[in-house]
């Protein structure tokens, strides 16, 4: 492998890393505040993407306005699940919440072909953050990267940086960290944990929709187009450590990058090699690369 191929593999990995990082960030936000995993994260994002795509391709709306509406839809769905469904659920424990999100998956899967009939036969050709098929050249034109990928990476970096800064310097971030540490004690200290979890679900829905919008121009749209991303997002959380905000993001860099390098040598066994690699890491570090064992005192 020469340096040109090495650099091209890295550039080809940046868009998958950006998509996976945003999807993973949403899952981590929900897990740290609600102590549950959201199996409907990918489906929520798909609804927002279908709405944005239909507004752009069918209604002729400006692409950025369509994207904004799609993100708002994802935001509202996430907010609705926590503030309306979970609050009225009889058994709203972590396992019960997981079962509810599985029900949401089935519900959205059934509704998508009814609400967005035409979108299933309309490939997202030309539906990119940057119009046209222009490529940016690197390394004297021997290495290329699409405009859409470049803009997607910039958007992902800005969003991730904004979320981490908010977690560090805002009252919402302080509430998230406190709720993640101990929800009961946080509530006793006056933190509105219901508001914190609702905002976390809403933000996760919006961020997940942006990730799906990045993926849409590179694949055929379907109800399950975000399923592989969600699976890898869970793997990234396991690899990096569910009880860390930074660890899962590191995991989102490792999985696509490692996968693309392995794929250059052996494409058939690529996924199996990745899963075995993650399994070995977890056997060595059961709580993930950045995870820590949590000791609860009685």
C-alpha atoms as a PDB file:
ATOM      1  CA  UNK A   1       0.000   0.000   0.000  1.00  0.00           C
ATOM      2  CA  UNK A   2       1.516   3.313  -1.098  1.00  0.00           C
ATOM      3  CA  UNK A   3       0.889   6.711   0.490  1.00  0.00           C
ATOM      4  CA  UNK A   4      -1.668   7.684  -2.181  1.00  0.00           C
ATOM      5  CA  UNK A   5      -3.883   4.685  -1.375  1.00  0.00           C
ATOM      6  CA  UNK A   6      -3.365   5.240   2.354  1.00  0.00           C
ATOM      7  CA  UNK A   7      -4.524   8.854   2.091  1.00  0.00           C
ATOM      8  CA  UNK A   8      -7.485   7.957  -0.152  1.00  0.00           C
ATOM      9  CA  UNK A   9      -8.695   5.360   2.349  1.00  0.00           C
ATOM     10  CA  UNK A  10      -8.564   7.951   5.137  1.00  0.00           C
ATOM     11  CA  UNK A  11     -10.507  10.503   3.058  1.00  0.00           C
ATOM     12  CA  UNK A  12     -13.069   7.854   2.067  1.00  0.00           C
ATOM     13  CA  UNK A  13     -13.562   7.119   5.766  1.00  0.00           C
ATOM     14  CA  UNK A  14     -14.356  10.697   6.791  1.00  0.00           C
ATOM     15  CA  UNK A  15     -17.979  10.708   5.624  1.00  0.00           C
ATOM     16  CA  UNK A  16     -18.843   7.340   7.284  1.00  0.00           C
ATOM     17  CA  UNK A  17     -17.099   8.546  10.444  1.00  0.00           C
ATOM     18  CA  UNK A  18     -19.143  11.772  10.423  1.00  0.00           C
ATOM     19  CA  UNK A  19     -22.448   9.932   9.943  1.00  0.00           C
ATOM     20  CA  UNK A  20     -21.603   7.354  12.601  1.00  0.00           C
ATOM     21  CA  UNK A  21     -20.329   9.955  15.084  1.00  0.00           C
ATOM     22  CA  UNK A  22     -23.566  11.957  15.007  1.00  0.00           C
ATOM     23  CA  UNK A  23     -25.725   8.843  15.296  1.00  0.00           C
ATOM     24  CA  UNK A  24     -23.608   7.614  18.199  1.00  0.00           C
ATOM     25  CA  UNK A  25     -23.699  10.967  19.985  1.00  0.00           C
ATOM     26  CA  UNK A  26     -27.493  10.838  20.021  1.00  0.00           C
ATOM     27  CA  UNK A  27     -27.503   7.318  21.468  1.00  0.00           C
ATOM     28  CA  UNK A  28     -25.025   8.292  24.189  1.00  0.00           C
ATOM     29  CA  UNK A  29     -27.021  11.381  25.181  1.00  0.00           C
ATOM     30  CA  UNK A  30     -30.120   9.271  25.649  1.00  0.00           C
ATOM     31  CA  UNK A  31     -28.327   6.493  27.495  1.00  0.00           C
ATOM     32  CA  UNK A  32     -26.561   8.826  29.923  1.00  0.00           C
ATOM     33  CA  UNK A  33     -29.749  10.680  30.870  1.00  0.00           C
ATOM     34  CA  UNK A  34     -32.381   7.921  30.587  1.00  0.00           C
ATOM     35  CA  UNK A  35     -30.227   4.838  31.333  1.00  0.00           C
ATOM     36  CA  UNK A  36     -31.748   3.083  28.345  1.00  0.00           C
ATOM     37  CA  UNK A  37     -30.845   2.393  24.727  1.00  0.00           C
ATOM     38  CA  UNK A  38     -33.015   3.899  22.016  1.00  0.00           C
ATOM     39  CA  UNK A  39     -33.604   1.267  19.344  1.00  0.00           C
ATOM     40  CA  UNK A  40     -35.740   3.755  17.391  1.00  0.00           C
ATOM     41  CA  UNK A  41     -32.927   6.268  16.889  1.00  0.00           C
ATOM     42  CA  UNK A  42     -32.389   5.247  13.267  1.00  0.00           C
ATOM     43  CA  UNK A  43     -36.103   5.240  12.435  1.00  0.00           C
ATOM     44  CA  UNK A  44     -36.621   8.715  13.921  1.00  0.00           C
ATOM     45  CA  UNK A  45     -33.779   9.980  11.744  1.00  0.00           C
ATOM     46  CA  UNK A  46     -35.250   8.266   8.683  1.00  0.00           C
ATOM     47  CA  UNK A  47     -38.596  10.055   9.124  1.00  0.00           C
ATOM     48  CA  UNK A  48     -36.862  13.438   9.181  1.00  0.00           C
ATOM     49  CA  UNK A  49     -34.808  12.499   6.127  1.00  0.00           C
ATOM     50  CA  UNK A  50     -37.837  11.371   4.139  1.00  0.00           C
ATOM     51  CA  UNK A  51     -39.642  14.593   4.988  1.00  0.00           C
ATOM     52  CA  UNK A  52     -36.666  16.731   3.938  1.00  0.00           C
ATOM     53  CA  UNK A  53     -36.159  14.718   0.746  1.00  0.00           C
ATOM     54  CA  UNK A  54     -39.802  14.975  -0.286  1.00  0.00           C
ATOM     55  CA  UNK A  55     -39.844  18.715   0.381  1.00  0.00           C
ATOM     56  CA  UNK A  56     -36.761  19.159  -1.811  1.00  0.00           C
ATOM     57  CA  UNK A  57     -37.442  16.763  -4.675  1.00  0.00           C
ATOM     58  CA  UNK A  58     -41.243  16.956  -4.859  1.00  0.00           C
ATOM     59  CA  UNK A  59     -42.203  20.365  -3.453  1.00  0.00           C
ATOM     60  CA  UNK A  60     -39.144  22.176  -4.839  1.00  0.00           C
ATOM     61  CA  UNK A  61     -38.278  23.712  -1.466  1.00  0.00           C
ATOM     62  CA  UNK A  62     -34.770  25.056  -0.853  1.00  0.00           C
ATOM     63  CA  UNK A  63     -32.523  22.215   0.280  1.00  0.00           C
ATOM     64  CA  UNK A  64     -31.314  23.940   3.451  1.00  0.00           C
ATOM     65  CA  UNK A  65     -34.849  24.886   4.481  1.00  0.00           C
ATOM     66  CA  UNK A  66     -35.938  21.290   3.846  1.00  0.00           C
ATOM     67  CA  UNK A  67     -33.051  20.037   5.962  1.00  0.00           C
ATOM     68  CA  UNK A  68     -34.027  22.401   8.772  1.00  0.00           C
ATOM     69  CA  UNK A  69     -37.633  21.154   8.679  1.00  0.00           C
ATOM     70  CA  UNK A  70     -36.435  17.531   8.674  1.00  0.00           C
ATOM     71  CA  UNK A  71     -34.219  18.178  11.704  1.00  0.00           C
ATOM     72  CA  UNK A  72     -37.109  19.866  13.525  1.00  0.00           C
ATOM     73  CA  UNK A  73     -39.277  16.813  12.806  1.00  0.00           C
ATOM     74  CA  UNK A  74     -36.636  14.523  14.298  1.00  0.00           C
ATOM     75  CA  UNK A  75     -36.353  16.887  17.281  1.00  0.00           C
ATOM     76  CA  UNK A  76     -40.115  16.831  17.875  1.00  0.00           C
ATOM     77  CA  UNK A  77     -40.386  13.031  17.560  1.00  0.00           C
ATOM     78  CA  UNK A  78     -37.605  12.547  20.115  1.00  0.00           C
ATOM     79  CA  UNK A  79     -39.270  15.038  22.446  1.00  0.00           C
ATOM     80  CA  UNK A  80     -42.645  13.325  21.996  1.00  0.00           C
ATOM     81  CA  UNK A  81     -41.301   9.881  22.861  1.00  0.00           C
ATOM     82  CA  UNK A  82     -39.832  11.020  26.166  1.00  0.00           C
ATOM     83  CA  UNK A  83     -42.253  13.745  27.265  1.00  0.00           C
ATOM     84  CA  UNK A  84     -45.488  12.054  26.200  1.00  0.00           C
ATOM     85  CA  UNK A  85     -45.019   8.304  25.801  1.00  0.00           C
ATOM     86  CA  UNK A  86     -42.496   7.565  28.553  1.00  0.00           C
ATOM     87  CA  UNK A  87     -44.137   9.864  31.106  1.00  0.00           C
ATOM     88  CA  UNK A  88     -47.443   8.052  30.659  1.00  0.00           C
ATOM     89  CA  UNK A  89     -46.009   4.549  30.525  1.00  0.00           C
ATOM     90  CA  UNK A  90     -46.965   2.267  33.390  1.00  0.00           C
ATOM     91  CA  UNK A  91     -43.576   0.557  33.534  1.00  0.00           C
ATOM     92  CA  UNK A  92     -41.115   3.277  32.533  1.00  0.00           C
ATOM     93  CA  UNK A  93     -37.988   1.458  33.712  1.00  0.00           C
ATOM     94  CA  UNK A  94     -34.963   1.044  31.383  1.00  0.00           C
ATOM     95  CA  UNK A  95     -36.200  -2.297  30.024  1.00  0.00           C
ATOM     96  CA  UNK A  96     -39.719  -0.944  29.556  1.00  0.00           C
ATOM     97  CA  UNK A  97     -38.340   2.043  27.665  1.00  0.00           C
ATOM     98  CA  UNK A  98     -36.396  -0.265  25.362  1.00  0.00           C
ATOM     99  CA  UNK A  99     -39.574  -2.201  24.592  1.00  0.00           C
ATOM    100  CA  UNK A 100     -41.395   1.070  23.867  1.00  0.00           C
ATOM    101  CA  UNK A 101     -38.696   2.138  21.411  1.00  0.00           C
ATOM    102  CA  UNK A 102     -39.001  -1.247  19.682  1.00  0.00           C
ATOM    103  CA  UNK A 103     -42.705  -0.537  19.325  1.00  0.00           C
ATOM    104  CA  UNK A 104     -41.859   2.862  17.827  1.00  0.00           C
ATOM    105  CA  UNK A 105     -39.628   1.080  15.299  1.00  0.00           C
ATOM    106  CA  UNK A 106     -42.506  -1.150  14.197  1.00  0.00           C
ATOM    107  CA  UNK A 107     -44.905   1.796  14.069  1.00  0.00           C
ATOM    108  CA  UNK A 108     -42.640   3.996  11.947  1.00  0.00           C
ATOM    109  CA  UNK A 109     -41.719   1.086   9.665  1.00  0.00           C
ATOM    110  CA  UNK A 110     -45.397   0.590   8.902  1.00  0.00           C
ATOM    111  CA  UNK A 111     -46.199   4.287   8.481  1.00  0.00           C
ATOM    112  CA  UNK A 112     -43.265   5.282   6.261  1.00  0.00           C
ATOM    113  CA  UNK A 113     -44.518   3.637   3.032  1.00  0.00           C
ATOM    114  CA  UNK A 114     -47.995   5.061   3.682  1.00  0.00           C
ATOM    115  CA  UNK A 115     -46.947   8.663   4.342  1.00  0.00           C
ATOM    116  CA  UNK A 116     -44.009   8.850   1.919  1.00  0.00           C
ATOM    117  CA  UNK A 117     -45.129   6.588  -0.908  1.00  0.00           C
ATOM    118  CA  UNK A 118     -43.210   8.295  -3.708  1.00  0.00           C
ATOM    119  CA  UNK A 119     -39.961   8.524  -1.752  1.00  0.00           C
ATOM    120  CA  UNK A 120     -39.521   4.756  -1.895  1.00  0.00           C
ATOM    121  CA  UNK A 121     -39.165   4.896  -5.679  1.00  0.00           C
ATOM    122  CA  UNK A 122     -37.201   8.141  -5.785  1.00  0.00           C
ATOM    123  CA  UNK A 123     -33.436   7.791  -5.364  1.00  0.00           C
ATOM    124  CA  UNK A 124     -31.824  10.853  -3.798  1.00  0.00           C
ATOM    125  CA  UNK A 125     -29.848  11.762  -6.937  1.00  0.00           C
ATOM    126  CA  UNK A 126     -28.505  15.287  -6.650  1.00  0.00           C
ATOM    127  CA  UNK A 127     -29.734  15.564  -3.080  1.00  0.00           C
ATOM    128  CA  UNK A 128     -26.485  16.782  -1.616  1.00  0.00           C
ATOM    129  CA  UNK A 129     -25.392  19.565   0.683  1.00  0.00           C
ATOM    130  CA  UNK A 130     -23.446  20.902  -2.308  1.00  0.00           C
ATOM    131  CA  UNK A 131     -24.932  20.789  -5.800  1.00  0.00           C
ATOM    132  CA  UNK A 132     -23.133  18.974  -8.576  1.00  0.00           C
ATOM    133  CA  UNK A 133     -20.611  16.140  -8.598  1.00  0.00           C
ATOM    134  CA  UNK A 134     -17.488  18.237  -8.140  1.00  0.00           C
ATOM    135  CA  UNK A 135     -14.586  16.683  -6.336  1.00  0.00           C
ATOM    136  CA  UNK A 136     -11.843  18.325  -4.319  1.00  0.00           C
ATOM    137  CA  UNK A 137      -8.372  17.184  -5.307  1.00  0.00           C
ATOM    138  CA  UNK A 138      -5.548  16.465  -2.883  1.00  0.00           C
ATOM    139  CA  UNK A 139      -1.992  15.242  -3.272  1.00  0.00           C
ATOM    140  CA  UNK A 140      -1.509  16.745  -6.761  1.00  0.00           C
ATOM    141  CA  UNK A 141      -4.888  15.478  -7.951  1.00  0.00           C
ATOM    142  CA  UNK A 142      -4.147  11.826  -7.140  1.00  0.00           C
ATOM    143  CA  UNK A 143      -6.535  11.763  -4.173  1.00  0.00           C
ATOM    144  CA  UNK A 144     -10.105  13.071  -4.263  1.00  0.00           C
ATOM    145  CA  UNK A 145     -12.992  13.770  -1.915  1.00  0.00           C
ATOM    146  CA  UNK A 146     -16.530  14.794  -2.833  1.00  0.00           C
ATOM    147  CA  UNK A 147     -17.892  18.226  -1.954  1.00  0.00           C
ATOM    148  CA  UNK A 148     -20.763  16.585  -0.102  1.00  0.00           C
ATOM    149  CA  UNK A 149     -18.326  14.638   2.079  1.00  0.00           C
ATOM    150  CA  UNK A 150     -16.291  17.758   2.862  1.00  0.00           C
ATOM    151  CA  UNK A 151     -19.364  19.763   3.899  1.00  0.00           C
ATOM    152  CA  UNK A 152     -20.702  16.800   5.897  1.00  0.00           C
ATOM    153  CA  UNK A 153     -17.443  16.477   7.832  1.00  0.00           C
ATOM    154  CA  UNK A 154     -17.451  20.204   8.625  1.00  0.00           C
ATOM    155  CA  UNK A 155     -21.077  20.048   9.826  1.00  0.00           C
ATOM    156  CA  UNK A 156     -20.350  16.973  11.988  1.00  0.00           C
ATOM    157  CA  UNK A 157     -17.291  18.579  13.594  1.00  0.00           C
ATOM    158  CA  UNK A 158     -19.204  21.777  14.360  1.00  0.00           C
ATOM    159  CA  UNK A 159     -22.170  19.889  15.880  1.00  0.00           C
ATOM    160  CA  UNK A 160     -20.015  17.573  17.991  1.00  0.00           C
ATOM    161  CA  UNK A 161     -17.905  20.497  19.213  1.00  0.00           C
ATOM    162  CA  UNK A 162     -21.052  22.491  20.035  1.00  0.00           C
ATOM    163  CA  UNK A 163     -22.558  19.600  22.023  1.00  0.00           C
ATOM    164  CA  UNK A 164     -19.369  19.013  24.001  1.00  0.00           C
ATOM    165  CA  UNK A 165     -19.023  22.725  24.738  1.00  0.00           C
ATOM    166  CA  UNK A 166     -22.668  22.790  25.845  1.00  0.00           C
ATOM    167  CA  UNK A 167     -22.047  19.791  28.091  1.00  0.00           C
ATOM    168  CA  UNK A 168     -19.116  21.603  29.653  1.00  0.00           C
ATOM    169  CA  UNK A 169     -20.287  25.213  29.953  1.00  0.00           C
ATOM    170  CA  UNK A 170     -24.103  25.400  29.971  1.00  0.00           C
ATOM    171  CA  UNK A 171     -26.755  24.688  32.593  1.00  0.00           C
ATOM    172  CA  UNK A 172     -28.189  22.003  30.323  1.00  0.00           C
ATOM    173  CA  UNK A 173     -24.753  20.339  30.181  1.00  0.00           C
ATOM    174  CA  UNK A 174     -24.395  20.521  33.946  1.00  0.00           C
ATOM    175  CA  UNK A 175     -27.867  18.990  34.267  1.00  0.00           C
ATOM    176  CA  UNK A 176     -26.959  16.202  31.833  1.00  0.00           C
ATOM    177  CA  UNK A 177     -23.773  15.366  33.707  1.00  0.00           C
ATOM    178  CA  UNK A 178     -25.560  15.463  37.053  1.00  0.00           C
ATOM    179  CA  UNK A 179     -28.451  13.337  35.777  1.00  0.00           C
ATOM    180  CA  UNK A 180     -25.996  10.878  34.241  1.00  0.00           C
ATOM    181  CA  UNK A 181     -24.252  10.588  37.591  1.00  0.00           C
ATOM    182  CA  UNK A 182     -27.377  10.122  39.732  1.00  0.00           C
ATOM    183  CA  UNK A 183     -30.844  11.077  38.526  1.00  0.00           C
ATOM    184  CA  UNK A 184     -32.507  10.709  41.932  1.00  0.00           C
ATOM    185  CA  UNK A 185     -30.009  12.894  43.775  1.00  0.00           C
ATOM    186  CA  UNK A 186     -30.040  15.450  40.927  1.00  0.00           C
ATOM    187  CA  UNK A 187     -33.807  15.755  41.269  1.00  0.00           C
ATOM    188  CA  UNK A 188     -33.489  16.211  45.031  1.00  0.00           C
ATOM    189  CA  UNK A 189     -30.974  19.027  44.431  1.00  0.00           C
ATOM    190  CA  UNK A 190     -33.476  20.948  42.323  1.00  0.00           C
ATOM    191  CA  UNK A 191     -32.435  19.898  38.807  1.00  0.00           C
ATOM    192  CA  UNK A 192     -35.397  19.408  36.494  1.00  0.00           C
ATOM    193  CA  UNK A 193     -34.409  15.934  35.339  1.00  0.00           C
ATOM    194  CA  UNK A 194     -37.588  15.594  33.255  1.00  0.00           C
ATOM    195  CA  UNK A 195     -36.581  18.651  31.218  1.00  0.00           C
ATOM    196  CA  UNK A 196     -33.005  17.387  30.896  1.00  0.00           C
ATOM    197  CA  UNK A 197     -34.050  13.979  29.573  1.00  0.00           C
ATOM    198  CA  UNK A 198     -36.680  15.470  27.253  1.00  0.00           C
ATOM    199  CA  UNK A 199     -34.144  17.868  25.725  1.00  0.00           C
ATOM    200  CA  UNK A 200     -31.620  15.053  25.395  1.00  0.00           C
ATOM    201  CA  UNK A 201     -34.119  12.916  23.482  1.00  0.00           C
ATOM    202  CA  UNK A 202     -35.067  15.867  21.297  1.00  0.00           C
ATOM    203  CA  UNK A 203     -31.450  16.814  20.543  1.00  0.00           C
ATOM    204  CA  UNK A 204     -30.642  13.173  19.817  1.00  0.00           C
ATOM    205  CA  UNK A 205     -33.526  13.052  17.335  1.00  0.00           C
ATOM    206  CA  UNK A 206     -32.315  16.185  15.568  1.00  0.00           C
ATOM    207  CA  UNK A 207     -28.675  15.065  15.472  1.00  0.00           C
ATOM    208  CA  UNK A 208     -29.663  11.624  14.204  1.00  0.00           C
ATOM    209  CA  UNK A 209     -31.659  13.231  11.392  1.00  0.00           C
ATOM    210  CA  UNK A 210     -28.612  15.242  10.304  1.00  0.00           C
ATOM    211  CA  UNK A 211     -26.599  12.009  10.210  1.00  0.00           C
ATOM    212  CA  UNK A 212     -29.279  10.377   8.065  1.00  0.00           C
ATOM    213  CA  UNK A 213     -29.350  13.383   5.719  1.00  0.00           C
ATOM    214  CA  UNK A 214     -25.600  13.001   5.245  1.00  0.00           C
ATOM    215  CA  UNK A 215     -26.066   9.333   4.384  1.00  0.00           C
ATOM    216  CA  UNK A 216     -29.061   9.778   2.035  1.00  0.00           C
ATOM    217  CA  UNK A 217     -27.182  10.951  -1.105  1.00  0.00           C
ATOM    218  CA  UNK A 218     -24.806   7.983  -0.904  1.00  0.00           C
ATOM    219  CA  UNK A 219     -27.388   5.183  -0.735  1.00  0.00           C
ATOM    220  CA  UNK A 220     -30.829   4.134  -1.910  1.00  0.00           C
ATOM    221  CA  UNK A 221     -33.495   5.349   0.491  1.00  0.00           C
ATOM    222  CA  UNK A 222     -35.478   2.766   2.402  1.00  0.00           C
ATOM    223  CA  UNK A 223     -37.078   2.347   5.803  1.00  0.00           C
ATOM    224  CA  UNK A 224     -34.029   0.462   7.044  1.00  0.00           C
ATOM    225  CA  UNK A 225     -31.291   2.599   5.548  1.00  0.00           C
ATOM    226  CA  UNK A 226     -30.106   3.720   9.008  1.00  0.00           C
ATOM    227  CA  UNK A 227     -30.143   0.232  10.528  1.00  0.00           C
ATOM    228  CA  UNK A 228     -26.464  -0.598   9.764  1.00  0.00           C
ATOM    229  CA  UNK A 229     -25.477   2.826  11.097  1.00  0.00           C
ATOM    230  CA  UNK A 230     -27.407   2.249  14.313  1.00  0.00           C
ATOM    231  CA  UNK A 231     -25.831  -1.192  14.781  1.00  0.00           C
ATOM    232  CA  UNK A 232     -22.354   0.283  14.348  1.00  0.00           C
ATOM    233  CA  UNK A 233     -23.291   3.167  16.653  1.00  0.00           C
ATOM    234  CA  UNK A 234     -24.119   0.688  19.410  1.00  0.00           C
ATOM    235  CA  UNK A 235     -20.840  -1.106  18.705  1.00  0.00           C
ATOM    236  CA  UNK A 236     -18.984   2.213  18.928  1.00  0.00           C
ATOM    237  CA  UNK A 237     -20.613   2.859  22.316  1.00  0.00           C
ATOM    238  CA  UNK A 238     -19.602  -0.610  23.512  1.00  0.00           C
ATOM    239  CA  UNK A 239     -16.070  -0.178  22.179  1.00  0.00           C
ATOM    240  CA  UNK A 240     -15.572   3.286  23.643  1.00  0.00           C
ATOM    241  CA  UNK A 241     -17.604   2.770  26.806  1.00  0.00           C
ATOM    242  CA  UNK A 242     -21.259   3.614  27.371  1.00  0.00           C
ATOM    243  CA  UNK A 243     -20.517   5.605  30.527  1.00  0.00           C
ATOM    244  CA  UNK A 244     -18.285   8.061  28.671  1.00  0.00           C
ATOM    245  CA  UNK A 245     -19.113  10.837  26.221  1.00  0.00           C
ATOM    246  CA  UNK A 246     -15.683  10.869  24.560  1.00  0.00           C
ATOM    247  CA  UNK A 247     -15.158   7.105  24.289  1.00  0.00           C
ATOM    248  CA  UNK A 248     -18.015   6.351  21.853  1.00  0.00           C
ATOM    249  CA  UNK A 249     -16.852   9.162  19.555  1.00  0.00           C
ATOM    250  CA  UNK A 250     -13.399   7.596  19.494  1.00  0.00           C
ATOM    251  CA  UNK A 251     -15.116   4.307  18.685  1.00  0.00           C
ATOM    252  CA  UNK A 252     -16.830   5.927  15.687  1.00  0.00           C
ATOM    253  CA  UNK A 253     -13.402   6.837  14.314  1.00  0.00           C
ATOM    254  CA  UNK A 254     -11.906   3.398  14.872  1.00  0.00           C
ATOM    255  CA  UNK A 255     -14.684   1.263  13.344  1.00  0.00           C
ATOM    256  CA  UNK A 256     -15.026   2.861   9.842  1.00  0.00           C
ATOM    257  CA  UNK A 257     -11.295   3.574   9.542  1.00  0.00           C
ATOM    258  CA  UNK A 258     -10.274   0.077  10.584  1.00  0.00           C
ATOM    259  CA  UNK A 259     -13.005  -1.394   8.390  1.00  0.00           C
ATOM    260  CA  UNK A 260     -11.888   0.492   5.278  1.00  0.00           C
ATOM    261  CA  UNK A 261      -8.251  -0.531   5.735  1.00  0.00           C
ATOM    262  CA  UNK A 262      -9.265  -4.151   6.266  1.00  0.00           C
ATOM    263  CA  UNK A 263     -11.607  -3.909   3.252  1.00  0.00           C
ATOM    264  CA  UNK A 264      -8.742  -2.857   0.999  1.00  0.00           C
ATOM    265  CA  UNK A 265      -6.989  -6.163   1.744  1.00  0.00           C
ATOM    266  CA  UNK A 266      -9.997  -8.454   2.308  1.00  0.00           C
ATOM    267  CA  UNK A 267     -13.518  -7.227   1.550  1.00  0.00           C
ATOM    268  CA  UNK A 268     -15.368 -10.519   2.074  1.00  0.00           C
ATOM    269  CA  UNK A 269     -14.326 -10.999   5.690  1.00  0.00           C
ATOM    270  CA  UNK A 270     -14.236  -7.301   6.584  1.00  0.00           C
ATOM    271  CA  UNK A 271     -17.286  -7.189   8.871  1.00  0.00           C
ATOM    272  CA  UNK A 272     -16.353 -10.411  10.644  1.00  0.00           C
ATOM    273  CA  UNK A 273     -12.828  -9.151  11.301  1.00  0.00           C
ATOM    274  CA  UNK A 274     -14.210  -5.888  12.718  1.00  0.00           C
ATOM    275  CA  UNK A 275     -16.634  -7.692  15.040  1.00  0.00           C
ATOM    276  CA  UNK A 276     -13.925 -10.091  16.225  1.00  0.00           C
ATOM    277  CA  UNK A 277     -11.631  -7.115  16.865  1.00  0.00           C
ATOM    278  CA  UNK A 278     -14.313  -5.406  18.981  1.00  0.00           C
ATOM    279  CA  UNK A 279     -14.999  -8.677  20.827  1.00  0.00           C
ATOM    280  CA  UNK A 280     -11.310  -9.027  21.711  1.00  0.00           C
ATOM    281  CA  UNK A 281     -11.168  -5.438  22.978  1.00  0.00           C
ATOM    282  CA  UNK A 282     -14.264  -5.987  25.136  1.00  0.00           C
ATOM    283  CA  UNK A 283     -12.815  -9.211  26.554  1.00  0.00           C
ATOM    284  CA  UNK A 284      -9.722  -7.252  27.564  1.00  0.00           C
ATOM    285  CA  UNK A 285     -11.612  -4.140  28.703  1.00  0.00           C
ATOM    286  CA  UNK A 286     -15.221  -5.125  29.544  1.00  0.00           C
ATOM    287  CA  UNK A 287     -16.309  -1.517  30.118  1.00  0.00           C
ATOM    288  CA  UNK A 288     -14.836  -0.203  26.852  1.00  0.00           C
ATOM    289  CA  UNK A 289     -11.680   1.689  26.050  1.00  0.00           C
ATOM    290  CA  UNK A 290     -12.738   4.744  28.081  1.00  0.00           C
ATOM    291  CA  UNK A 291     -15.327   3.128  30.338  1.00  0.00           C
ATOM    292  CA  UNK A 292     -14.946   2.697  34.067  1.00  0.00           C
ATOM    293  CA  UNK A 293     -16.527   0.304  36.504  1.00  0.00           C
ATOM    294  CA  UNK A 294     -19.238   2.076  38.493  1.00  0.00           C
ATOM    295  CA  UNK A 295     -19.340   1.118  42.158  1.00  0.00           C
ATOM    296  CA  UNK A 296     -22.605   1.816  43.924  1.00  0.00           C
ATOM    297  CA  UNK A 297     -22.535   2.218  47.681  1.00  0.00           C
ATOM    298  CA  UNK A 298     -25.473   0.988  49.704  1.00  0.00           C
END
